PDB file of N, CA and C in Angstrom:
ATOM      1  N   MET A   1      -6.019  19.502 -15.820  1.00  0.00           N
ATOM      2  CA  MET A   1      -7.428  19.296 -15.634  1.00  0.00           C
ATOM      3  C   MET A   1      -7.855  20.052 -14.372  1.00  0.00           C
ATOM      4  N   ASP A   2      -8.920  20.771 -14.448  1.00  0.00           N
ATOM      5  CA  ASP A   2      -9.428  21.560 -13.329  1.00  0.00           C
ATOM      6  C   ASP A   2     -10.423  20.717 -12.527  1.00  0.00           C
ATOM      7  N   LEU A   3     -10.060  20.413 -11.290  1.00  0.00           N
ATOM      8  CA  LEU A   3     -10.910  19.572 -10.448  1.00  0.00           C
ATOM      9  C   LEU A   3     -11.565  20.354  -9.308  1.00  0.00           C
ATOM     10  N   ARG A   4     -11.595  21.666  -9.416  1.00  0.00           N
ATOM     11  CA  ARG A   4     -12.162  22.492  -8.344  1.00  0.00           C
ATOM     12  C   ARG A   4     -13.622  22.164  -8.062  1.00  0.00           C
ATOM     13  N   TYR A   5     -14.349  21.704  -9.064  1.00  0.00           N
ATOM     14  CA  TYR A   5     -15.760  21.381  -8.868  1.00  0.00           C
ATOM     15  C   TYR A   5     -15.940  20.221  -7.882  1.00  0.00           C
ATOM     16  N   LEU A   6     -14.892  19.442  -7.630  1.00  0.00           N
ATOM     17  CA  LEU A   6     -14.970  18.328  -6.681  1.00  0.00           C
ATOM     18  C   LEU A   6     -14.780  18.774  -5.231  1.00  0.00           C
ATOM     19  N   ARG A   7     -14.302  19.987  -5.040  1.00  0.00           N
ATOM     20  CA  ARG A   7     -13.982  20.495  -3.703  1.00  0.00           C
ATOM     21  C   ARG A   7     -15.106  20.307  -2.672  1.00  0.00           C
ATOM     22  N   PRO A   8     -16.375  20.564  -3.014  1.00  0.00           N
ATOM     23  CA  PRO A   8     -17.435  20.409  -2.002  1.00  0.00           C
ATOM     24  C   PRO A   8     -17.547  18.990  -1.443  1.00  0.00           C
ATOM     25  N   TRP A   9     -17.115  17.994  -2.193  1.00  0.00           N
ATOM     26  CA  TRP A   9     -17.231  16.609  -1.752  1.00  0.00           C
ATOM     27  C   TRP A   9     -15.951  16.079  -1.125  1.00  0.00           C
ATOM     28  N   ALA A  10     -14.888  16.818  -1.196  1.00  0.00           N
ATOM     29  CA  ALA A  10     -13.614  16.374  -0.630  1.00  0.00           C
ATOM     30  C   ALA A  10     -13.557  16.727   0.850  1.00  0.00           C
ATOM     31  N   ARG A  11     -13.212  15.759   1.667  1.00  0.00           N
ATOM     32  CA  ARG A  11     -13.106  16.006   3.104  1.00  0.00           C
ATOM     33  C   ARG A  11     -11.856  16.800   3.437  1.00  0.00           C
ATOM     34  N   HIS A  12     -10.759  16.441   2.820  1.00  0.00           N
ATOM     35  CA  HIS A  12      -9.505  17.140   3.084  1.00  0.00           C
ATOM     36  C   HIS A  12      -8.704  17.177   1.792  1.00  0.00           C
ATOM     37  N   ILE A  13      -8.298  18.344   1.434  1.00  0.00           N
ATOM     38  CA  ILE A  13      -7.466  18.505   0.246  1.00  0.00           C
ATOM     39  C   ILE A  13      -6.096  18.948   0.724  1.00  0.00           C
ATOM     40  N   ILE A  14      -5.063  18.218   0.311  1.00  0.00           N
ATOM     41  CA  ILE A  14      -3.724  18.574   0.771  1.00  0.00           C
ATOM     42  C   ILE A  14      -3.201  19.781   0.004  1.00  0.00           C
ATOM     43  N   THR A  15      -2.343  20.511   0.667  1.00  0.00           N
ATOM     44  CA  THR A  15      -1.740  21.683   0.041  1.00  0.00           C
ATOM     45  C   THR A  15      -0.609  21.229  -0.874  1.00  0.00           C
ATOM     46  N   GLU A  16      -0.102  22.144  -1.670  1.00  0.00           N
ATOM     47  CA  GLU A  16       1.028  21.811  -2.537  1.00  0.00           C
ATOM     48  C   GLU A  16       2.247  21.429  -1.712  1.00  0.00           C
ATOM     49  N   ASP A  17       2.455  22.103  -0.578  1.00  0.00           N
ATOM     50  CA  ASP A  17       3.582  21.757   0.295  1.00  0.00           C
ATOM     51  C   ASP A  17       3.436  20.348   0.854  1.00  0.00           C
ATOM     52  N   GLU A  18       2.222  19.981   1.259  1.00  0.00           N
ATOM     53  CA  GLU A  18       1.985  18.627   1.764  1.00  0.00           C
ATOM     54  C   GLU A  18       2.219  17.597   0.660  1.00  0.00           C
ATOM     55  N   ALA A  19       1.806  17.914  -0.544  1.00  0.00           N
ATOM     56  CA  ALA A  19       2.015  17.003  -1.675  1.00  0.00           C
ATOM     57  C   ALA A  19       3.503  16.826  -1.950  1.00  0.00           C
ATOM     58  N   ARG A  20       4.260  17.903  -1.841  1.00  0.00           N
ATOM     59  CA  ARG A  20       5.710  17.820  -2.056  1.00  0.00           C
ATOM     60  C   ARG A  20       6.366  16.904  -1.022  1.00  0.00           C
ATOM     61  N   ILE A  21       5.919  17.006   0.226  1.00  0.00           N
ATOM     62  CA  ILE A  21       6.474  16.159   1.288  1.00  0.00           C
ATOM     63  C   ILE A  21       6.233  14.683   0.978  1.00  0.00           C
ATOM     64  N   LEU A  22       5.067  14.374   0.435  1.00  0.00           N
ATOM     65  CA  LEU A  22       4.738  12.983   0.125  1.00  0.00           C
ATOM     66  C   LEU A  22       5.561  12.424  -1.023  1.00  0.00           C
ATOM     67  N   THR A  23       6.071  13.286  -1.880  1.00  0.00           N
ATOM     68  CA  THR A  23       6.790  12.799  -3.063  1.00  0.00           C
ATOM     69  C   THR A  23       8.292  13.045  -3.025  1.00  0.00           C
ATOM     70  N   ILE A  24       8.829  13.486  -1.874  1.00  0.00           N
ATOM     71  CA  ILE A  24      10.283  13.653  -1.818  1.00  0.00           C
ATOM     72  C   ILE A  24      10.938  12.280  -1.937  1.00  0.00           C
ATOM     73  N   PRO A  25      12.150  12.225  -2.474  1.00  0.00           N
ATOM     74  CA  PRO A  25      12.820  10.930  -2.633  1.00  0.00           C
ATOM     75  C   PRO A  25      12.920  10.181  -1.305  1.00  0.00           C
ATOM     76  N   VAL A  26      12.847   8.889  -1.399  1.00  0.00           N
ATOM     77  CA  VAL A  26      12.911   8.026  -0.223  1.00  0.00           C
ATOM     78  C   VAL A  26      14.257   7.304  -0.221  1.00  0.00           C
ATOM     79  N   THR A  27      14.809   7.092   0.960  1.00  0.00           N
ATOM     80  CA  THR A  27      16.096   6.400   1.046  1.00  0.00           C
ATOM     81  C   THR A  27      15.889   4.900   0.890  1.00  0.00           C
ATOM     82  N   ARG A  28      16.927   4.246   0.456  1.00  0.00           N
ATOM     83  CA  ARG A  28      16.857   2.791   0.308  1.00  0.00           C
ATOM     84  C   ARG A  28      16.703   2.110   1.665  1.00  0.00           C
ATOM     85  N   ALA A  29      17.278   2.709   2.681  1.00  0.00           N
ATOM     86  CA  ALA A  29      17.132   2.154   4.034  1.00  0.00           C
ATOM     87  C   ALA A  29      15.668   2.181   4.464  1.00  0.00           C
ATOM     88  N   LYS A  30      14.958   3.269   4.155  1.00  0.00           N
ATOM     89  CA  LYS A  30      13.531   3.385   4.508  1.00  0.00           C
ATOM     90  C   LYS A  30      12.698   2.373   3.723  1.00  0.00           C
ATOM     91  N   ILE A  31      13.064   2.176   2.458  1.00  0.00           N
ATOM     92  CA  ILE A  31      12.335   1.208   1.631  1.00  0.00           C
ATOM     93  C   ILE A  31      12.472  -0.184   2.232  1.00  0.00           C
ATOM     94  N   LYS A  32      13.706  -0.586   2.506  1.00  0.00           N
ATOM     95  CA  LYS A  32      13.942  -1.920   3.066  1.00  0.00           C
ATOM     96  C   LYS A  32      13.238  -2.063   4.408  1.00  0.00           C
ATOM     97  N   GLN A  33      13.327  -1.038   5.243  1.00  0.00           N
ATOM     98  CA  GLN A  33      12.689  -1.087   6.558  1.00  0.00           C
ATOM     99  C   GLN A  33      11.180  -1.260   6.432  1.00  0.00           C
ATOM    100  N   ALA A  34      10.569  -0.576   5.468  1.00  0.00           N
ATOM    101  CA  ALA A  34       9.122  -0.697   5.267  1.00  0.00           C
ATOM    102  C   ALA A  34       8.734  -2.139   4.952  1.00  0.00           C
ATOM    103  N   PHE A  35       9.512  -2.805   4.112  1.00  0.00           N
ATOM    104  CA  PHE A  35       9.225  -4.201   3.772  1.00  0.00           C
ATOM    105  C   PHE A  35       9.440  -5.116   4.969  1.00  0.00           C
ATOM    106  N   PHE A  36      10.517  -4.888   5.701  1.00  0.00           N
ATOM    107  CA  PHE A  36      10.858  -5.775   6.799  1.00  0.00           C
ATOM    108  C   PHE A  36      10.008  -5.530   8.049  1.00  0.00           C
ATOM    109  N   ASP A  37       9.301  -4.413   8.109  1.00  0.00           N
ATOM    110  CA  ASP A  37       8.403  -4.135   9.230  1.00  0.00           C
ATOM    111  C   ASP A  37       7.038  -4.798   9.070  1.00  0.00           C
ATOM    112  N   ILE A  38       6.734  -5.274   7.878  1.00  0.00           N
ATOM    113  CA  ILE A  38       5.435  -5.921   7.642  1.00  0.00           C
ATOM    114  C   ILE A  38       5.481  -7.333   8.222  1.00  0.00           C
ATOM    115  N   GLU A  39       4.504  -7.645   9.052  1.00  0.00           N
ATOM    116  CA  GLU A  39       4.469  -8.950   9.713  1.00  0.00           C
ATOM    117  C   GLU A  39       4.355 -10.081   8.692  1.00  0.00           C
ATOM    118  N   GLU A  40       5.072 -11.162   8.969  1.00  0.00           N
ATOM    119  CA  GLU A  40       5.109 -12.286   8.028  1.00  0.00           C
ATOM    120  C   GLU A  40       3.821 -13.096   8.015  1.00  0.00           C
ATOM    121  N   ASP A  41       3.037 -13.023   9.075  1.00  0.00           N
ATOM    122  CA  ASP A  41       1.833 -13.848   9.135  1.00  0.00           C
ATOM    123  C   ASP A  41       0.609 -13.184   8.513  1.00  0.00           C
ATOM    124  N   LYS A  42       0.802 -12.032   7.885  1.00  0.00           N
ATOM    125  CA  LYS A  42      -0.304 -11.355   7.201  1.00  0.00           C
ATOM    126  C   LYS A  42      -0.598 -12.080   5.882  1.00  0.00           C
ATOM    127  N   ALA A  43      -1.868 -12.097   5.517  1.00  0.00           N
ATOM    128  CA  ALA A  43      -2.265 -12.754   4.271  1.00  0.00           C
ATOM    129  C   ALA A  43      -1.691 -12.004   3.074  1.00  0.00           C
ATOM    130  N   PRO A  44      -1.241 -12.733   2.058  1.00  0.00           N
ATOM    131  CA  PRO A  44      -0.726 -12.060   0.857  1.00  0.00           C
ATOM    132  C   PRO A  44      -1.868 -11.464   0.039  1.00  0.00           C
ATOM    133  N   GLY A  45      -1.523 -10.568  -0.855  1.00  0.00           N
ATOM    134  CA  GLY A  45      -2.500  -9.962  -1.746  1.00  0.00           C
ATOM    135  C   GLY A  45      -2.712 -10.819  -2.976  1.00  0.00           C
ATOM    136  N   PRO A  46      -3.310 -10.257  -4.018  1.00  0.00           N
ATOM    137  CA  PRO A  46      -3.608 -11.003  -5.238  1.00  0.00           C
ATOM    138  C   PRO A  46      -2.387 -11.607  -5.929  1.00  0.00           C
ATOM    139  N   ASP A  47      -1.207 -11.004  -5.733  1.00  0.00           N
ATOM    140  CA  ASP A  47      -0.020 -11.567  -6.385  1.00  0.00           C
ATOM    141  C   ASP A  47       0.480 -12.827  -5.683  1.00  0.00           C
ATOM    142  N   GLY A  48      -0.009 -13.101  -4.481  1.00  0.00           N
ATOM    143  CA  GLY A  48       0.332 -14.330  -3.772  1.00  0.00           C
ATOM    144  C   GLY A  48       1.627 -14.291  -2.982  1.00  0.00           C
ATOM    145  N   TYR A  49       2.353 -13.186  -3.021  1.00  0.00           N
ATOM    146  CA  TYR A  49       3.640 -13.107  -2.331  1.00  0.00           C
ATOM    147  C   TYR A  49       3.470 -12.485  -0.950  1.00  0.00           C
ATOM    148  N   SER A  50       3.909 -13.207   0.078  1.00  0.00           N
ATOM    149  CA  SER A  50       3.815 -12.711   1.451  1.00  0.00           C
ATOM    150  C   SER A  50       5.041 -11.866   1.781  1.00  0.00           C
ATOM    151  N   SER A  51       4.985 -11.189   2.912  1.00  0.00           N
ATOM    152  CA  SER A  51       6.158 -10.412   3.315  1.00  0.00           C
ATOM    153  C   SER A  51       7.322 -11.345   3.634  1.00  0.00           C
ATOM    154  N   GLY A  52       7.016 -12.561   4.060  1.00  0.00           N
ATOM    155  CA  GLY A  52       8.069 -13.553   4.291  1.00  0.00           C
ATOM    156  C   GLY A  52       8.848 -13.847   3.021  1.00  0.00           C
ATOM    157  N   PHE A  53       8.138 -13.910   1.886  1.00  0.00           N
ATOM    158  CA  PHE A  53       8.812 -14.118   0.605  1.00  0.00           C
ATOM    159  C   PHE A  53       9.769 -12.975   0.311  1.00  0.00           C
ATOM    160  N   TYR A  54       9.287 -11.729   0.467  1.00  0.00           N
ATOM    161  CA  TYR A  54      10.134 -10.570   0.178  1.00  0.00           C
ATOM    162  C   TYR A  54      11.377 -10.569   1.055  1.00  0.00           C
ATOM    163  N   LYS A  55      11.217 -10.914   2.322  1.00  0.00           N
ATOM    164  CA  LYS A  55      12.359 -10.927   3.243  1.00  0.00           C
ATOM    165  C   LYS A  55      13.364 -12.010   2.852  1.00  0.00           C
ATOM    166  N   ALA A  56      12.854 -13.199   2.544  1.00  0.00           N
ATOM    167  CA  ALA A  56      13.742 -14.307   2.185  1.00  0.00           C
ATOM    168  C   ALA A  56      14.438 -14.063   0.848  1.00  0.00           C
ATOM    169  N   ALA A  57      13.730 -13.441  -0.092  1.00  0.00           N
ATOM    170  CA  ALA A  57      14.278 -13.231  -1.438  1.00  0.00           C
ATOM    171  C   ALA A  57      14.959 -11.876  -1.596  1.00  0.00           C
ATOM    172  N   TRP A  58      15.038 -11.075  -0.537  1.00  0.00           N
ATOM    173  CA  TRP A  58      15.583  -9.720  -0.644  1.00  0.00           C
ATOM    174  C   TRP A  58      16.961  -9.665  -1.308  1.00  0.00           C
ATOM    175  N   PRO A  59      17.885 -10.591  -1.001  1.00  0.00           N
ATOM    176  CA  PRO A  59      19.196 -10.528  -1.664  1.00  0.00           C
ATOM    177  C   PRO A  59      19.098 -10.621  -3.196  1.00  0.00           C
ATOM    178  N   VAL A  60      18.052 -11.256  -3.687  1.00  0.00           N
ATOM    179  CA  VAL A  60      17.877 -11.425  -5.129  1.00  0.00           C
ATOM    180  C   VAL A  60      17.012 -10.312  -5.726  1.00  0.00           C
ATOM    181  N   ILE A  61      15.918  -9.951  -5.071  1.00  0.00           N
ATOM    182  CA  ILE A  61      14.946  -9.010  -5.642  1.00  0.00           C
ATOM    183  C   ILE A  61      15.017  -7.596  -5.074  1.00  0.00           C
ATOM    184  N   GLY A  62      15.758  -7.420  -3.998  1.00  0.00           N
ATOM    185  CA  GLY A  62      15.777  -6.138  -3.293  1.00  0.00           C
ATOM    186  C   GLY A  62      16.113  -4.946  -4.166  1.00  0.00           C
ATOM    187  N   GLU A  63      17.125  -5.075  -5.000  1.00  0.00           N
ATOM    188  CA  GLU A  63      17.548  -3.962  -5.863  1.00  0.00           C
ATOM    189  C   GLU A  63      16.415  -3.533  -6.795  1.00  0.00           C
ATOM    190  N   GLU A  64      15.771  -4.499  -7.430  1.00  0.00           N
ATOM    191  CA  GLU A  64      14.680  -4.170  -8.354  1.00  0.00           C
ATOM    192  C   GLU A  64      13.470  -3.587  -7.621  1.00  0.00           C
ATOM    193  N   ILE A  65      13.189  -4.095  -6.446  1.00  0.00           N
ATOM    194  CA  ILE A  65      12.078  -3.566  -5.648  1.00  0.00           C
ATOM    195  C   ILE A  65      12.354  -2.116  -5.276  1.00  0.00           C
ATOM    196  N   MET A  66      13.591  -1.831  -4.865  1.00  0.00           N
ATOM    197  CA  MET A  66      13.935  -0.461  -4.483  1.00  0.00           C
ATOM    198  C   MET A  66      13.800   0.495  -5.666  1.00  0.00           C
ATOM    199  N   VAL A  67      14.165   0.047  -6.857  1.00  0.00           N
ATOM    200  CA  VAL A  67      14.027   0.888  -8.052  1.00  0.00           C
ATOM    201  C   VAL A  67      12.547   1.204  -8.308  1.00  0.00           C
ATOM    202  N   VAL A  68      11.680   0.210  -8.166  1.00  0.00           N
ATOM    203  CA  VAL A  68      10.241   0.421  -8.379  1.00  0.00           C
ATOM    204  C   VAL A  68       9.700   1.450  -7.383  1.00  0.00           C
ATOM    205  N   VAL A  69      10.069   1.314  -6.117  1.00  0.00           N
ATOM    206  CA  VAL A  69       9.575   2.242  -5.090  1.00  0.00           C
ATOM    207  C   VAL A  69      10.148   3.640  -5.315  1.00  0.00           C
ATOM    208  N   GLU A  70      11.424   3.723  -5.655  1.00  0.00           N
ATOM    209  CA  GLU A  70      12.035   5.029  -5.947  1.00  0.00           C
ATOM    210  C   GLU A  70      11.332   5.709  -7.116  1.00  0.00           C
ATOM    211  N   GLU A  71      11.005   4.937  -8.143  1.00  0.00           N
ATOM    212  CA  GLU A  71      10.291   5.480  -9.301  1.00  0.00           C
ATOM    213  C   GLU A  71       8.923   6.020  -8.895  1.00  0.00           C
ATOM    214  N   PHE A  72       8.239   5.299  -8.014  1.00  0.00           N
ATOM    215  CA  PHE A  72       6.937   5.776  -7.547  1.00  0.00           C
ATOM    216  C   PHE A  72       7.078   7.142  -6.880  1.00  0.00           C
ATOM    217  N   PHE A  73       8.068   7.288  -6.024  1.00  0.00           N
ATOM    218  CA  PHE A  73       8.237   8.563  -5.330  1.00  0.00           C
ATOM    219  C   PHE A  73       8.789   9.646  -6.254  1.00  0.00           C
ATOM    220  N   HIS A  74       9.376   9.233  -7.362  1.00  0.00           N
ATOM    221  CA  HIS A  74       9.880  10.213  -8.330  1.00  0.00           C
ATOM    222  C   HIS A  74       8.762  10.751  -9.224  1.00  0.00           C
ATOM    223  N   ASN A  75       7.937   9.837  -9.757  1.00  0.00           N
ATOM    224  CA  ASN A  75       6.921  10.284 -10.719  1.00  0.00           C
ATOM    225  C   ASN A  75       5.471  10.089 -10.256  1.00  0.00           C
ATOM    226  N   GLY A  76       5.272   9.476  -9.094  1.00  0.00           N
ATOM    227  CA  GLY A  76       3.919   9.316  -8.557  1.00  0.00           C
ATOM    228  C   GLY A  76       3.060   8.305  -9.284  1.00  0.00           C
ATOM    229  N   ARG A  77       3.664   7.478 -10.103  1.00  0.00           N
ATOM    230  CA  ARG A  77       2.899   6.489 -10.873  1.00  0.00           C
ATOM    231  C   ARG A  77       3.256   5.074 -10.428  1.00  0.00           C
ATOM    232  N   LEU A  78       2.238   4.220 -10.476  1.00  0.00           N
ATOM    233  CA  LEU A  78       2.399   2.839 -10.063  1.00  0.00           C
ATOM    234  C   LEU A  78       1.499   1.981 -10.941  1.00  0.00           C
ATOM    235  N   LEU A  79       1.974   0.810 -11.319  1.00  0.00           N
ATOM    236  CA  LEU A  79       1.126  -0.095 -12.096  1.00  0.00           C
ATOM    237  C   LEU A  79      -0.150  -0.377 -11.311  1.00  0.00           C
ATOM    238  N   LYS A  80      -1.275  -0.362 -11.984  1.00  0.00           N
ATOM    239  CA  LYS A  80      -2.539  -0.574 -11.274  1.00  0.00           C
ATOM    240  C   LYS A  80      -2.600  -1.967 -10.644  1.00  0.00           C
ATOM    241  N   GLN A  81      -1.870  -2.915 -11.195  1.00  0.00           N
ATOM    242  CA  GLN A  81      -1.862  -4.267 -10.638  1.00  0.00           C
ATOM    243  C   GLN A  81      -1.268  -4.290  -9.229  1.00  0.00           C
ATOM    244  N   VAL A  82      -0.356  -3.364  -8.948  1.00  0.00           N
ATOM    245  CA  VAL A  82       0.259  -3.303  -7.621  1.00  0.00           C
ATOM    246  C   VAL A  82      -0.788  -2.928  -6.583  1.00  0.00           C
ATOM    247  N   ASN A  83      -1.769  -2.135  -6.979  1.00  0.00           N
ATOM    248  CA  ASN A  83      -2.819  -1.684  -6.073  1.00  0.00           C
ATOM    249  C   ASN A  83      -4.005  -2.650  -6.037  1.00  0.00           C
ATOM    250  N   ALA A  84      -3.909  -3.772  -6.704  1.00  0.00           N
ATOM    251  CA  ALA A  84      -5.004  -4.748  -6.688  1.00  0.00           C
ATOM    252  C   ALA A  84      -5.203  -5.255  -5.259  1.00  0.00           C
ATOM    253  N   THR A  85      -6.444  -5.453  -4.885  1.00  0.00           N
ATOM    254  CA  THR A  85      -6.766  -5.874  -3.522  1.00  0.00           C
ATOM    255  C   THR A  85      -7.847  -6.946  -3.558  1.00  0.00           C
ATOM    256  N   LEU A  86      -7.677  -7.959  -2.732  1.00  0.00           N
ATOM    257  CA  LEU A  86      -8.709  -8.978  -2.566  1.00  0.00           C
ATOM    258  C   LEU A  86      -9.548  -8.608  -1.355  1.00  0.00           C
ATOM    259  N   LEU A  87     -10.847  -8.687  -1.491  1.00  0.00           N
ATOM    260  CA  LEU A  87     -11.736  -8.447  -0.358  1.00  0.00           C
ATOM    261  C   LEU A  87     -12.349  -9.772   0.064  1.00  0.00           C
ATOM    262  N   ALA A  88     -12.253 -10.068   1.346  1.00  0.00           N
ATOM    263  CA  ALA A  88     -12.850 -11.283   1.888  1.00  0.00           C
ATOM    264  C   ALA A  88     -13.853 -10.877   2.954  1.00  0.00           C
ATOM    265  N   LEU A  89     -14.998 -11.519   2.946  1.00  0.00           N
ATOM    266  CA  LEU A  89     -16.008 -11.257   3.966  1.00  0.00           C
ATOM    267  C   LEU A  89     -15.963 -12.399   4.975  1.00  0.00           C
ATOM    268  N   VAL A  90     -15.553 -12.087   6.191  1.00  0.00           N
ATOM    269  CA  VAL A  90     -15.426 -13.077   7.251  1.00  0.00           C
ATOM    270  C   VAL A  90     -16.660 -12.977   8.147  1.00  0.00           C
ATOM    271  N   PRO A  91     -17.367 -14.088   8.338  1.00  0.00           N
ATOM    272  CA  PRO A  91     -18.578 -14.030   9.166  1.00  0.00           C
ATOM    273  C   PRO A  91     -18.260 -13.650  10.614  1.00  0.00           C
ATOM    274  N   LYS A  92     -19.100 -12.767  11.181  1.00  0.00           N
ATOM    275  CA  LYS A  92     -18.972 -12.382  12.592  1.00  0.00           C
ATOM    276  C   LYS A  92     -19.821 -13.290  13.479  1.00  0.00           C
ATOM    277  N   VAL A  93     -20.839 -13.884  12.886  1.00  0.00           N
ATOM    278  CA  VAL A  93     -21.782 -14.723  13.636  1.00  0.00           C
ATOM    279  C   VAL A  93     -21.860 -16.108  12.996  1.00  0.00           C
ATOM    280  N   GLN A  94     -22.486 -17.040  13.726  1.00  0.00           N
ATOM    281  CA  GLN A  94     -22.575 -18.429  13.268  1.00  0.00           C
ATOM    282  C   GLN A  94     -23.277 -18.569  11.909  1.00  0.00           C
ATOM    283  N   ASN A  95     -24.450 -17.973  11.753  1.00  0.00           N
ATOM    284  CA  ASN A  95     -25.213 -18.072  10.509  1.00  0.00           C
ATOM    285  C   ASN A  95     -25.484 -16.677   9.964  1.00  0.00           C
ATOM    286  N   PRO A  96     -24.542 -16.114   9.229  1.00  0.00           N
ATOM    287  CA  PRO A  96     -24.722 -14.746   8.731  1.00  0.00           C
ATOM    288  C   PRO A  96     -25.869 -14.662   7.722  1.00  0.00           C
ATOM    289  N   ILE A  97     -26.634 -13.568   7.842  1.00  0.00           N
ATOM    290  CA  ILE A  97     -27.766 -13.357   6.944  1.00  0.00           C
ATOM    291  C   ILE A  97     -27.608 -12.048   6.175  1.00  0.00           C
ATOM    292  N   THR A  98     -27.190 -11.011   6.864  1.00  0.00           N
ATOM    293  CA  THR A  98     -27.054  -9.703   6.225  1.00  0.00           C
ATOM    294  C   THR A  98     -25.578  -9.332   6.083  1.00  0.00           C
ATOM    295  N   VAL A  99     -25.333  -8.321   5.300  1.00  0.00           N
ATOM    296  CA  VAL A  99     -23.964  -7.841   5.093  1.00  0.00           C
ATOM    297  C   VAL A  99     -23.339  -7.412   6.419  1.00  0.00           C
ATOM    298  N   ALA A 100     -24.146  -6.874   7.320  1.00  0.00           N
ATOM    299  CA  ALA A 100     -23.651  -6.433   8.630  1.00  0.00           C
ATOM    300  C   ALA A 100     -23.115  -7.597   9.461  1.00  0.00           C
ATOM    301  N   ASP A 101     -23.449  -8.821   9.073  1.00  0.00           N
ATOM    302  CA  ASP A 101     -22.973 -10.008   9.793  1.00  0.00           C
ATOM    303  C   ASP A 101     -21.571 -10.430   9.358  1.00  0.00           C
ATOM    304  N   PHE A 102     -20.969  -9.660   8.477  1.00  0.00           N
ATOM    305  CA  PHE A 102     -19.634  -9.984   7.976  1.00  0.00           C
ATOM    306  C   PHE A 102     -18.642  -8.866   8.293  1.00  0.00           C
ATOM    307  N   ARG A 103     -17.401  -9.252   8.468  1.00  0.00           N
ATOM    308  CA  ARG A 103     -16.313  -8.291   8.651  1.00  0.00           C
ATOM    309  C   ARG A 103     -15.484  -8.315   7.362  1.00  0.00           C
ATOM    310  N   PRO A 104     -15.381  -7.171   6.690  1.00  0.00           N
ATOM    311  CA  PRO A 104     -14.580  -7.153   5.456  1.00  0.00           C
ATOM    312  C   PRO A 104     -13.083  -7.100   5.778  1.00  0.00           C
ATOM    313  N   ILE A 105     -12.330  -7.917   5.108  1.00  0.00           N
ATOM    314  CA  ILE A 105     -10.877  -7.941   5.246  1.00  0.00           C
ATOM    315  C   ILE A 105     -10.297  -7.677   3.858  1.00  0.00           C
ATOM    316  N   SER A 106      -9.368  -6.742   3.774  1.00  0.00           N
ATOM    317  CA  SER A 106      -8.735  -6.471   2.476  1.00  0.00           C
ATOM    318  C   SER A 106      -7.308  -7.000   2.492  1.00  0.00           C
ATOM    319  N   CYS A 107      -6.952  -7.707   1.453  1.00  0.00           N
ATOM    320  CA  CYS A 107      -5.616  -8.277   1.310  1.00  0.00           C
ATOM    321  C   CYS A 107      -4.912  -7.558   0.162  1.00  0.00           C
ATOM    322  N   CYS A 108      -3.964  -6.700   0.524  1.00  0.00           N
ATOM    323  CA  CYS A 108      -3.225  -5.901  -0.458  1.00  0.00           C
ATOM    324  C   CYS A 108      -1.876  -6.545  -0.741  1.00  0.00           C
ATOM    325  N   ASN A 109      -1.326  -6.262  -1.908  1.00  0.00           N
ATOM    326  CA  ASN A 109       0.014  -6.725  -2.235  1.00  0.00           C
ATOM    327  C   ASN A 109       1.031  -6.083  -1.293  1.00  0.00           C
ATOM    328  N   VAL A 110       2.077  -6.824  -0.950  1.00  0.00           N
ATOM    329  CA  VAL A 110       3.093  -6.343  -0.011  1.00  0.00           C
ATOM    330  C   VAL A 110       3.781  -5.088  -0.541  1.00  0.00           C
ATOM    331  N   LEU A 111       4.026  -5.009  -1.833  1.00  0.00           N
ATOM    332  CA  LEU A 111       4.648  -3.818  -2.414  1.00  0.00           C
ATOM    333  C   LEU A 111       3.786  -2.585  -2.131  1.00  0.00           C
ATOM    334  N   TYR A 112       2.488  -2.716  -2.288  1.00  0.00           N
ATOM    335  CA  TYR A 112       1.567  -1.614  -2.007  1.00  0.00           C
ATOM    336  C   TYR A 112       1.573  -1.267  -0.520  1.00  0.00           C
ATOM    337  N   LYS A 113       1.584  -2.299   0.335  1.00  0.00           N
ATOM    338  CA  LYS A 113       1.627  -2.069   1.781  1.00  0.00           C
ATOM    339  C   LYS A 113       2.880  -1.291   2.171  1.00  0.00           C
ATOM    340  N   ALA A 114       4.015  -1.651   1.590  1.00  0.00           N
ATOM    341  CA  ALA A 114       5.277  -0.988   1.932  1.00  0.00           C
ATOM    342  C   ALA A 114       5.261   0.480   1.508  1.00  0.00           C
ATOM    343  N   ILE A 115       4.774   0.756   0.314  1.00  0.00           N
ATOM    344  CA  ILE A 115       4.694   2.146  -0.156  1.00  0.00           C
ATOM    345  C   ILE A 115       3.752   2.943   0.743  1.00  0.00           C
ATOM    346  N   THR A 116       2.632   2.345   1.099  1.00  0.00           N
ATOM    347  CA  THR A 116       1.679   3.007   1.985  1.00  0.00           C
ATOM    348  C   THR A 116       2.310   3.300   3.338  1.00  0.00           C
ATOM    349  N   LYS A 117       3.086   2.358   3.841  1.00  0.00           N
ATOM    350  CA  LYS A 117       3.774   2.534   5.122  1.00  0.00           C
ATOM    351  C   LYS A 117       4.697   3.748   5.084  1.00  0.00           C
ATOM    352  N   ILE A 118       5.435   3.906   4.002  1.00  0.00           N
ATOM    353  CA  ILE A 118       6.344   5.048   3.852  1.00  0.00           C
ATOM    354  C   ILE A 118       5.547   6.348   3.808  1.00  0.00           C
ATOM    355  N   LEU A 119       4.461   6.355   3.046  1.00  0.00           N
ATOM    356  CA  LEU A 119       3.627   7.561   2.944  1.00  0.00           C
ATOM    357  C   LEU A 119       3.021   7.943   4.292  1.00  0.00           C
ATOM    358  N   VAL A 120       2.533   6.960   5.026  1.00  0.00           N
ATOM    359  CA  VAL A 120       1.909   7.228   6.324  1.00  0.00           C
ATOM    360  C   VAL A 120       2.914   7.841   7.293  1.00  0.00           C
ATOM    361  N   GLN A 121       4.153   7.394   7.238  1.00  0.00           N
ATOM    362  CA  GLN A 121       5.187   7.952   8.120  1.00  0.00           C
ATOM    363  C   GLN A 121       5.465   9.417   7.806  1.00  0.00           C
ATOM    364  N   ARG A 122       5.131   9.856   6.619  1.00  0.00           N
ATOM    365  CA  ARG A 122       5.380  11.245   6.219  1.00  0.00           C
ATOM    366  C   ARG A 122       4.236  12.178   6.584  1.00  0.00           C
ATOM    367  N   ILE A 123       3.096  11.624   6.894  1.00  0.00           N
ATOM    368  CA  ILE A 123       1.930  12.464   7.190  1.00  0.00           C
ATOM    369  C   ILE A 123       2.019  12.982   8.625  1.00  0.00           C
TER     370      ILE A 123
END
């Protein structure tokens, strides 16, 4: 599909070399580290699982989680449910009236956070 017509609206388009860097295979050590670096007191995403759950259950689920992340870096595809995000509007003032009176907070699934963490380290 030719997407060149979108170029005027794109702020930054990565080069093919930059895209290759983002999709090189990831080590299992990096995958585990990404999960274990996420603070346990962060709110869970729509799936309800906190990073504390992943850490506690790692001996049981770690292998399958690593396969999912490796597959993402191999083929660049991820179930859309993994990217599901809850948005919460937290009031900044006592009696909020306008949208500007709220602070938006996004709660992403831990699996998505971990993959994002790995990608950010590569940029």
